[in-house]
Amino acid sequence: MLRKGLMIGAFLCVLSLVFLGTVRYLVGRLILDPALGEPWTTLLFGAFLFLAVTPLLQAAAERFTPPRVSRLVAWPANLFLGFAFYLLIGLLATDAALLVVGAAFEGDPGLTLTRSRALAVLSFALVAGFTGMSSALAPPRLARHEIRLRRWPRALDGFRIVQISDIHIGSMLGAPFARSIVTRVNALEPDLIAVTGDLVDGPVAHLASEVAPFADLRAAHGVFFVTGNHDYYSGAGSWVEHVRHLGMRPLRNERVTITQGEAHFELAGVDDHRGNLFGSGEGEDVPRALHGRHPRDAVVLLAHDPSTFPAAVEADVDLQLSGHTHGGQIWPFNVLVRAAVGFVSGHYRRGDAQLLVGHGTGYWGPPMRLRAPAEILEVVLRPTTTEMD
């Protein structure tokens, strides 16, 4: 545990240095280099530094205060992070362009060009940020996928699983959002509901009333839940017990048999693999989840992180349902997600095993989604022509 603690501490130190370096870069390029004069330089410098501190205040507020208080800090903090991301993208792109121009013409860009560049980057960040906000604050779209599985029983042709994931109830999204999701999911009259992790951002003591609407989720074969990394950050043990009281069945490296008439399939679920940072016996364990399954039975695996898929392929799983990536959430972040995880969104296949990765139903951090709208997934399962009865 000491080694894990040191690794987490080192990561936080590096993250803090990167954040401070980014703030210094943004202030230099947007406020100091354009030489706006007084009092504008001092006012803008002070305002920017104040906003840069709000993410730290948010972290403390979410831990020690209820959502009605932490929201007062969370909204400016996350809006700052979102717009700062696009300011950074714009400045890096224009710095690269100016470097090429400077090398070609061996000239100083001059104050006029510096100010014009700052105005152009600010305009780009505002357009991208507000476009992303309009998408994130819109209701999640319904994404319907029809998937054929080799071992799927003919008697269960058309079986429908509705998946919601990455809801992130906390200081940004609360009970009204949860209630709207429940209404839309129940209207689909699904056979089964899968909640694939990152339900919350915060402790049970602060968010119990915010997640209360999820107790009204209804499906013929039940509502099932697996942990995500943010559920672990928020206290997975207490949240697992709480979702039981909401009527959800947690699947923690285990499986259940879903039966309809004489037909059946296996539904398995694993903890998020980051759970191994929180103590022995925690985290993903695909072999344990599938122990004792019959090789002729179809298996649907619920796993928050799509990086579980190679283990699912090895274990001969038919279909894995995942979230975690948010589809990248804020373009061009999807490029980094693809490099880190390999599976960003949509349908993937490895032999007979298939993976479906949703964009998530809420959002995390900045209330922005650009080219990755939030989703409620409706998965319709059908047998292939070579299906085994």
Protein backbone atom coordinates (compact mmCIF):
# COMPACT_ATOMS: atom_id res chain seq x y z
CA MET A 1 0.00 0.00 0.00
CA LEU A 2 2.90 2.35 0.70
CA ARG A 3 4.19 1.89 -2.83
CA LYS A 4 0.74 2.60 -4.29
CA GLY A 5 0.46 5.70 -2.10
CA LEU A 6 3.81 6.98 -3.33
CA MET A 7 2.79 6.35 -6.95
CA ILE A 8 -0.46 8.27 -6.47
CA GLY A 9 1.42 11.11 -4.75
CA ALA A 10 3.97 11.28 -7.57
CA PHE A 11 1.18 11.33 -10.16
CA LEU A 12 -0.58 14.19 -8.37
CA CYS A 13 2.68 16.15 -8.18
CA VAL A 14 3.29 15.73 -11.91
CA LEU A 15 -0.31 16.67 -12.66
CA SER A 16 0.01 19.81 -10.53
CA LEU A 17 3.20 20.84 -12.32
CA VAL A 18 1.58 20.32 -15.73
CA PHE A 19 -1.43 22.38 -14.64
CA LEU A 20 0.71 25.23 -13.32
CA GLY A 21 2.83 25.18 -16.48
CA THR A 22 -0.30 25.34 -18.62
CA VAL A 23 -1.68 28.30 -16.65
CA ARG A 24 1.64 30.14 -17.00
CA TYR A 25 1.66 29.48 -20.75
CA LEU A 26 -1.91 30.72 -21.22
CA VAL A 27 -1.33 33.86 -19.15
CA GLY A 28 1.85 34.65 -21.05
CA ARG A 29 0.40 34.23 -24.52
CA LEU A 30 -3.02 35.78 -23.93
CA ILE A 31 -2.38 38.53 -21.36
CA LEU A 32 1.30 39.43 -21.04
CA ASP A 33 2.53 39.10 -24.65
CA PRO A 34 -0.25 41.30 -26.15
CA ALA A 35 0.84 44.12 -23.75
CA LEU A 36 -2.65 45.47 -23.22
CA GLY A 37 -1.53 48.05 -20.70
CA GLU A 38 -3.01 48.95 -17.32
CA PRO A 39 -5.46 48.39 -15.78
CA TRP A 40 -6.39 45.62 -18.27
CA THR A 41 -3.29 43.48 -17.74
CA THR A 42 -3.71 43.44 -13.96
CA LEU A 43 -7.47 42.85 -14.09
CA LEU A 44 -7.26 40.00 -16.60
CA PHE A 45 -4.27 38.47 -14.82
CA GLY A 46 -6.12 38.48 -11.50
CA ALA A 47 -9.32 37.09 -13.00
CA PHE A 48 -7.46 34.30 -14.80
CA LEU A 49 -5.56 33.27 -11.66
CA PHE A 50 -8.77 33.30 -9.61
CA LEU A 51 -10.46 30.98 -12.13
CA ALA A 52 -7.38 28.75 -12.18
CA VAL A 53 -7.78 28.20 -8.42
CA THR A 54 -11.46 27.20 -8.65
CA PRO A 55 -10.74 23.56 -9.67
CA LEU A 56 -8.82 23.12 -6.40
CA LEU A 57 -11.68 24.70 -4.48
CA GLN A 58 -14.10 22.37 -6.26
CA ALA A 59 -12.16 19.28 -5.17
CA ALA A 60 -12.43 20.37 -1.54
CA ALA A 61 -16.08 21.43 -1.86
CA GLU A 62 -17.16 18.10 -3.37
CA ARG A 63 -15.52 16.20 -0.55
CA PHE A 64 -16.79 18.26 2.38
CA THR A 65 -20.01 19.99 1.29
CA PRO A 66 -23.36 18.91 -0.21
CA PRO A 67 -24.04 19.49 -3.95
CA ARG A 68 -26.09 22.66 -3.38
CA VAL A 69 -22.88 24.25 -2.02
CA SER A 70 -20.27 22.60 -4.22
CA ARG A 71 -22.20 23.57 -7.38
CA LEU A 72 -21.40 27.21 -6.67
CA VAL A 73 -17.74 26.39 -7.24
CA ALA A 74 -18.07 23.49 -9.69
CA TRP A 75 -19.71 25.44 -12.52
CA PRO A 76 -17.08 28.21 -12.83
CA ALA A 77 -14.30 25.68 -12.24
CA ASN A 78 -15.40 23.32 -14.98
CA LEU A 79 -16.28 26.05 -17.42
CA PHE A 80 -12.78 27.43 -16.92
CA LEU A 81 -11.24 24.02 -17.59
CA GLY A 82 -13.29 23.56 -20.76
CA PHE A 83 -12.53 26.94 -22.27
CA ALA A 84 -8.88 26.72 -21.11
CA PHE A 85 -8.57 23.43 -23.01
CA TYR A 86 -9.60 25.09 -26.26
CA LEU A 87 -7.41 28.11 -25.55
CA LEU A 88 -4.50 25.71 -25.16
CA ILE A 89 -5.33 23.88 -28.40
CA GLY A 90 -5.59 27.17 -30.29
CA LEU A 91 -2.35 28.57 -28.88
CA LEU A 92 -0.34 25.42 -29.55
CA ALA A 93 -1.60 25.32 -33.14
CA THR A 94 -0.83 28.99 -33.78
CA ASP A 95 2.55 28.75 -32.01
CA ALA A 96 3.47 25.94 -34.39
CA ALA A 97 2.32 28.03 -37.36
CA LEU A 98 4.26 31.11 -36.17
CA LEU A 99 7.35 28.96 -35.67
CA VAL A 100 7.19 27.88 -39.29
CA VAL A 101 6.58 31.47 -40.46
CA GLY A 102 9.42 32.78 -38.31
CA ALA A 103 11.81 30.18 -39.68
CA ALA A 104 10.82 31.05 -43.24
CA PHE A 105 10.98 34.85 -42.96
CA GLU A 106 13.34 35.29 -39.98
CA GLY A 107 11.14 38.01 -38.56
CA ASP A 108 9.51 38.95 -35.26
CA PRO A 109 5.72 38.49 -35.52
CA GLY A 110 5.22 41.92 -33.93
CA LEU A 111 2.70 43.25 -31.44
CA THR A 112 -0.15 43.56 -33.95
CA LEU A 113 0.13 39.93 -34.99
CA THR A 114 0.48 38.85 -31.34
CA ARG A 115 -2.73 40.65 -30.41
CA SER A 116 -4.54 39.36 -33.50
CA ARG A 117 -3.49 35.82 -32.68
CA ALA A 118 -4.75 36.18 -29.09
CA LEU A 119 -8.12 37.48 -30.34
CA ALA A 120 -8.41 34.68 -32.91
CA VAL A 121 -7.61 31.99 -30.32
CA LEU A 122 -10.11 33.49 -27.87
CA SER A 123 -12.78 33.51 -30.59
CA PHE A 124 -12.04 29.89 -31.46
CA ALA A 125 -12.28 28.84 -27.78
CA LEU A 126 -15.60 30.66 -27.33
CA VAL A 127 -17.17 29.10 -30.44
CA ALA A 128 -15.91 25.58 -29.63
CA GLY A 129 -16.80 25.88 -25.96
CA PHE A 130 -20.34 27.15 -26.44
CA THR A 131 -20.98 24.58 -29.19
CA GLY A 132 -19.83 21.87 -26.79
CA MET A 133 -22.05 23.25 -24.04
CA SER A 134 -25.14 23.20 -26.23
CA SER A 135 -24.49 19.52 -26.94
CA ALA A 136 -23.70 18.52 -23.34
CA LEU A 137 -26.73 20.29 -21.90
CA ALA A 138 -29.10 18.74 -24.46
CA PRO A 139 -30.91 15.48 -23.54
CA PRO A 140 -28.87 12.33 -24.32
CA ARG A 141 -29.67 10.84 -27.70
CA LEU A 142 -31.07 7.32 -28.04
CA ALA A 143 -28.57 5.10 -29.87
CA ARG A 144 -29.99 1.76 -31.03
CA HIS A 145 -27.70 -1.15 -31.91
CA GLU A 146 -28.79 -4.54 -33.25
CA ILE A 147 -26.15 -7.19 -32.53
CA ARG A 148 -26.15 -10.80 -33.64
CA LEU A 149 -24.44 -13.38 -31.44
CA ARG A 150 -23.48 -16.91 -32.43
CA ARG A 151 -24.71 -18.53 -29.22
CA TRP A 152 -27.74 -16.36 -28.63
CA PRO A 153 -30.91 -18.49 -28.12
CA ARG A 154 -33.57 -18.18 -30.79
CA ALA A 155 -36.23 -17.95 -28.10
CA LEU A 156 -34.62 -14.68 -26.91
CA ASP A 157 -34.52 -13.09 -30.36
CA GLY A 158 -35.10 -9.35 -29.89
CA PHE A 159 -34.12 -9.29 -26.21
CA ARG A 160 -33.42 -5.63 -25.35
CA ILE A 161 -30.82 -4.30 -22.93
CA VAL A 162 -30.80 -0.59 -22.20
CA GLN A 163 -27.37 0.60 -21.09
CA ILE A 164 -26.68 3.83 -19.21
CA SER A 165 -23.15 4.68 -18.17
CA ASP A 166 -20.93 7.50 -16.93
CA ILE A 167 -23.84 9.44 -15.47
CA HIS A 168 -21.61 11.28 -12.97
CA ILE A 169 -24.22 12.46 -10.52
CA GLY A 170 -22.49 15.03 -8.32
CA SER A 171 -21.91 18.74 -8.15
CA MET A 172 -22.75 19.29 -11.84
CA LEU A 173 -25.59 16.84 -12.49
CA GLY A 174 -28.17 16.01 -9.84
CA ALA A 175 -31.63 14.61 -9.13
CA PRO A 176 -33.46 16.40 -12.00
CA PHE A 177 -31.07 14.85 -14.53
CA ALA A 178 -31.38 11.43 -12.88
CA ARG A 179 -35.16 11.69 -12.97
CA SER A 180 -35.18 12.56 -16.67
CA ILE A 181 -32.97 9.56 -17.47
CA VAL A 182 -35.20 7.20 -15.49
CA THR A 183 -38.30 8.45 -17.31
CA ARG A 184 -36.73 7.93 -20.74
CA VAL A 185 -35.26 4.50 -19.91
CA ASN A 186 -38.52 3.18 -18.46
CA ALA A 187 -40.43 4.43 -21.52
CA LEU A 188 -38.36 2.01 -23.62
CA GLU A 189 -39.76 -0.92 -21.58
CA PRO A 190 -36.45 -2.81 -21.68
CA ASP A 191 -35.99 -6.46 -20.82
CA LEU A 192 -32.92 -5.60 -18.75
CA ILE A 193 -31.11 -2.41 -17.66
CA ALA A 194 -27.31 -2.24 -17.34
CA VAL A 195 -25.65 0.60 -15.42
CA THR A 196 -22.00 0.28 -16.42
CA GLY A 197 -20.20 2.41 -13.86
CA ASP A 198 -19.30 5.98 -12.94
CA LEU A 199 -22.71 6.55 -11.47
CA VAL A 200 -21.45 9.23 -9.07
CA ASP A 201 -18.79 11.75 -8.17
CA GLY A 202 -18.94 12.09 -4.40
CA PRO A 203 -19.76 10.21 -1.19
CA VAL A 204 -23.08 8.59 -0.34
CA ALA A 205 -23.62 11.05 2.51
CA HIS A 206 -23.76 13.95 0.04
CA LEU A 207 -25.44 12.33 -2.95
CA ALA A 208 -28.03 9.88 -1.59
CA SER A 209 -30.93 12.23 -2.37
CA GLU A 210 -29.48 13.06 -5.81
CA VAL A 211 -29.46 9.40 -6.93
CA ALA A 212 -32.82 8.56 -5.31
CA PRO A 213 -34.73 8.71 -8.67
CA PHE A 214 -32.80 5.63 -9.88
CA ALA A 215 -34.89 3.55 -7.47
CA ASP A 216 -37.69 3.89 -10.03
CA LEU A 217 -35.82 2.11 -12.85
CA ARG A 218 -37.85 -0.85 -14.06
CA ALA A 219 -37.06 -3.78 -16.36
CA ALA A 220 -38.57 -7.24 -16.72
CA HIS A 221 -35.33 -9.01 -15.75
CA GLY A 222 -33.91 -6.40 -13.40
CA VAL A 223 -31.40 -3.58 -13.14
CA PHE A 224 -27.70 -4.47 -12.86
CA PHE A 225 -24.73 -2.35 -11.84
CA VAL A 226 -20.94 -2.57 -12.12
CA THR A 227 -18.42 -0.18 -10.60
CA GLY A 228 -16.46 2.42 -12.52
CA ASN A 229 -13.28 4.20 -11.55
CA HIS A 230 -15.17 7.26 -10.25
CA ASP A 231 -17.33 5.02 -8.07
CA TYR A 232 -14.09 3.80 -6.49
CA TYR A 233 -12.86 7.36 -6.02
CA SER A 234 -16.21 8.07 -4.30
CA GLY A 235 -16.16 4.99 -2.02
CA ALA A 236 -17.18 1.90 -3.99
CA GLY A 237 -18.02 -0.22 -0.94
CA SER A 238 -20.61 2.19 0.42
CA TRP A 239 -22.00 2.90 -3.05
CA VAL A 240 -22.43 -0.79 -3.85
CA GLU A 241 -24.50 -1.19 -0.71
CA HIS A 242 -26.50 1.93 -1.54
CA VAL A 243 -27.38 0.86 -5.09
CA ARG A 244 -28.77 -2.37 -3.60
CA HIS A 245 -31.24 -0.20 -1.67
CA LEU A 246 -32.10 1.48 -4.98
CA GLY A 247 -33.10 -1.90 -6.41
CA MET A 248 -30.01 -2.50 -8.54
CA ARG A 249 -28.12 -5.80 -8.45
CA PRO A 250 -24.34 -5.19 -8.27
CA LEU A 251 -22.21 -7.68 -10.18
CA ARG A 252 -18.75 -7.71 -8.61
CA ASN A 253 -16.74 -10.26 -10.55
CA GLU A 254 -19.74 -12.57 -10.66
CA ARG A 255 -22.48 -13.75 -12.97
CA VAL A 256 -26.18 -14.51 -12.91
CA THR A 257 -28.34 -16.61 -15.21
CA ILE A 258 -31.10 -14.68 -16.96
CA THR A 259 -33.97 -17.02 -17.78
CA GLN A 260 -37.03 -16.49 -19.95
CA GLY A 261 -39.16 -19.58 -20.38
CA GLU A 262 -36.76 -22.41 -21.19
CA ALA A 263 -34.12 -20.13 -22.73
CA HIS A 264 -31.33 -18.44 -20.83
CA PHE A 265 -28.00 -16.60 -21.05
CA GLU A 266 -25.29 -15.60 -18.61
CA LEU A 267 -24.93 -11.99 -17.50
CA ALA A 268 -21.56 -11.28 -15.90
CA GLY A 269 -20.05 -8.15 -14.42
CA VAL A 270 -16.60 -7.11 -13.26
CA ASP A 271 -15.31 -4.33 -11.03
CA ASP A 272 -13.27 -1.59 -12.62
CA HIS A 273 -9.63 -2.62 -12.85
CA ARG A 274 -8.54 0.51 -10.96
CA GLY A 275 -10.10 -1.04 -7.88
CA ASN A 276 -6.83 -2.87 -7.27
CA LEU A 277 -5.43 0.46 -6.07
CA PHE A 278 -7.84 0.40 -3.12
CA GLY A 279 -6.95 -2.89 -1.45
CA SER A 280 -6.52 -6.63 -1.95
CA GLY A 281 -9.41 -8.50 -3.48
CA GLU A 282 -10.66 -5.45 -5.36
CA GLY A 283 -10.62 -4.77 -9.07
CA GLU A 284 -11.39 -6.64 -12.26
CA ASP A 285 -11.35 -10.46 -12.30
CA VAL A 286 -12.86 -11.85 -15.51
CA PRO A 287 -11.99 -15.55 -14.82
CA ARG A 288 -13.66 -15.33 -11.42
CA ALA A 289 -16.75 -13.71 -12.93
CA LEU A 290 -17.11 -16.50 -15.49
CA HIS A 291 -16.09 -19.43 -13.30
CA GLY A 292 -18.36 -22.43 -13.89
CA ARG A 293 -20.16 -21.08 -16.96
CA HIS A 294 -21.20 -23.68 -19.56
CA PRO A 295 -19.32 -23.23 -22.86
CA ARG A 296 -22.56 -23.48 -24.84
CA ASP A 297 -24.18 -20.56 -23.00
CA ALA A 298 -24.06 -17.02 -24.39
CA VAL A 299 -22.34 -14.52 -22.10
CA VAL A 300 -22.92 -10.77 -21.91
CA LEU A 301 -20.25 -9.05 -19.84
CA LEU A 302 -20.70 -5.66 -18.17
CA ALA A 303 -17.35 -3.89 -17.72
CA HIS A 304 -16.94 -0.17 -17.22
CA ASP A 305 -13.63 0.12 -19.07
CA PRO A 306 -13.39 -1.20 -22.66
CA SER A 307 -9.75 -2.12 -21.98
CA THR A 308 -11.24 -5.25 -20.35
CA PHE A 309 -12.07 -6.52 -23.85
CA PRO A 310 -8.83 -8.50 -24.48
CA ALA A 311 -9.51 -10.47 -21.29
CA ALA A 312 -13.12 -10.96 -22.42
CA VAL A 313 -11.94 -12.29 -25.79
CA GLU A 314 -9.62 -14.72 -23.99
CA ALA A 315 -12.54 -15.86 -21.82
CA ASP A 316 -14.79 -16.48 -24.86
CA VAL A 317 -17.33 -13.78 -24.01
CA ASP A 318 -19.96 -13.10 -26.67
CA LEU A 319 -20.59 -9.41 -25.97
CA GLN A 320 -19.06 -6.82 -23.66
CA LEU A 321 -20.91 -3.58 -22.85
CA SER A 322 -18.71 -0.68 -21.69
CA GLY A 323 -18.50 3.06 -21.26
CA HIS A 324 -15.70 5.04 -19.57
CA THR A 325 -14.33 6.85 -22.62
CA HIS A 326 -17.24 9.31 -23.07
CA GLY A 327 -16.48 8.92 -26.78
CA GLY A 328 -13.66 11.39 -26.13
CA GLN A 329 -16.30 13.91 -24.88
CA ILE A 330 -14.39 16.98 -26.09
CA TRP A 331 -12.85 16.79 -29.55
CA PRO A 332 -9.93 16.33 -30.21
CA PHE A 333 -9.57 14.48 -26.87
CA ASN A 334 -10.79 11.34 -28.64
CA VAL A 335 -7.35 11.07 -30.26
CA LEU A 336 -5.73 10.77 -26.83
CA VAL A 337 -8.39 8.29 -25.68
CA ARG A 338 -7.76 6.12 -28.73
CA ALA A 339 -4.03 6.11 -27.99
CA ALA A 340 -4.56 5.26 -24.31
CA VAL A 341 -7.43 2.76 -24.50
CA GLY A 342 -7.75 1.69 -28.14
CA PHE A 343 -11.56 1.59 -28.05
CA VAL A 344 -13.27 4.99 -28.13
CA SER A 345 -16.89 4.42 -29.15
CA GLY A 346 -19.09 2.13 -31.17
CA HIS A 347 -18.92 -1.52 -32.19
CA TYR A 348 -15.78 -3.66 -32.25
CA ARG A 349 -15.23 -7.34 -33.03
CA ARG A 350 -12.44 -9.80 -32.29
CA GLY A 351 -13.37 -13.17 -33.74
CA ASP A 352 -16.74 -14.15 -32.27
CA ALA A 353 -16.38 -11.70 -29.37
CA GLN A 354 -17.95 -8.25 -29.72
CA LEU A 355 -17.62 -4.99 -27.80
CA LEU A 356 -20.01 -2.05 -27.67
CA VAL A 357 -18.68 1.21 -26.17
CA GLY A 358 -21.15 3.99 -25.43
CA HIS A 359 -20.44 7.71 -25.14
CA GLY A 360 -21.89 7.78 -21.64
CA THR A 361 -25.15 9.32 -20.49
CA GLY A 362 -23.83 12.33 -18.55
CA TYR A 363 -20.53 14.16 -18.66
CA TRP A 364 -17.54 14.69 -16.42
CA GLY A 365 -15.70 17.92 -15.83
CA PRO A 366 -16.53 20.67 -18.33
CA PRO A 367 -20.23 20.70 -19.31
CA MET A 368 -19.16 20.29 -22.92
CA ARG A 369 -19.47 17.57 -25.53
CA LEU A 370 -18.06 18.20 -28.97
CA ARG A 371 -18.57 15.50 -31.62
CA ALA A 372 -19.41 12.98 -28.87
CA PRO A 373 -23.06 13.47 -27.78
CA ALA A 374 -24.33 11.75 -24.64
CA GLU A 375 -26.21 8.48 -25.21
CA ILE A 376 -28.73 6.06 -23.85
CA LEU A 377 -27.96 2.77 -25.58
CA GLU A 378 -30.66 0.32 -26.59
CA VAL A 379 -29.04 -3.01 -27.52
CA VAL A 380 -31.21 -5.51 -29.39
CA LEU A 381 -29.77 -9.03 -29.33
CA ARG A 382 -30.43 -11.55 -32.04
CA PRO A 383 -29.05 -14.97 -32.98
CA THR A 384 -26.98 -15.53 -36.08
CA THR A 385 -27.99 -18.11 -38.66
CA THR A 386 -25.53 -20.58 -37.06
CA GLU A 387 -26.93 -20.03 -33.53
CA MET A 388 -27.12 -23.09 -31.28
CA ASP A 389 -30.46 -23.91 -29.65
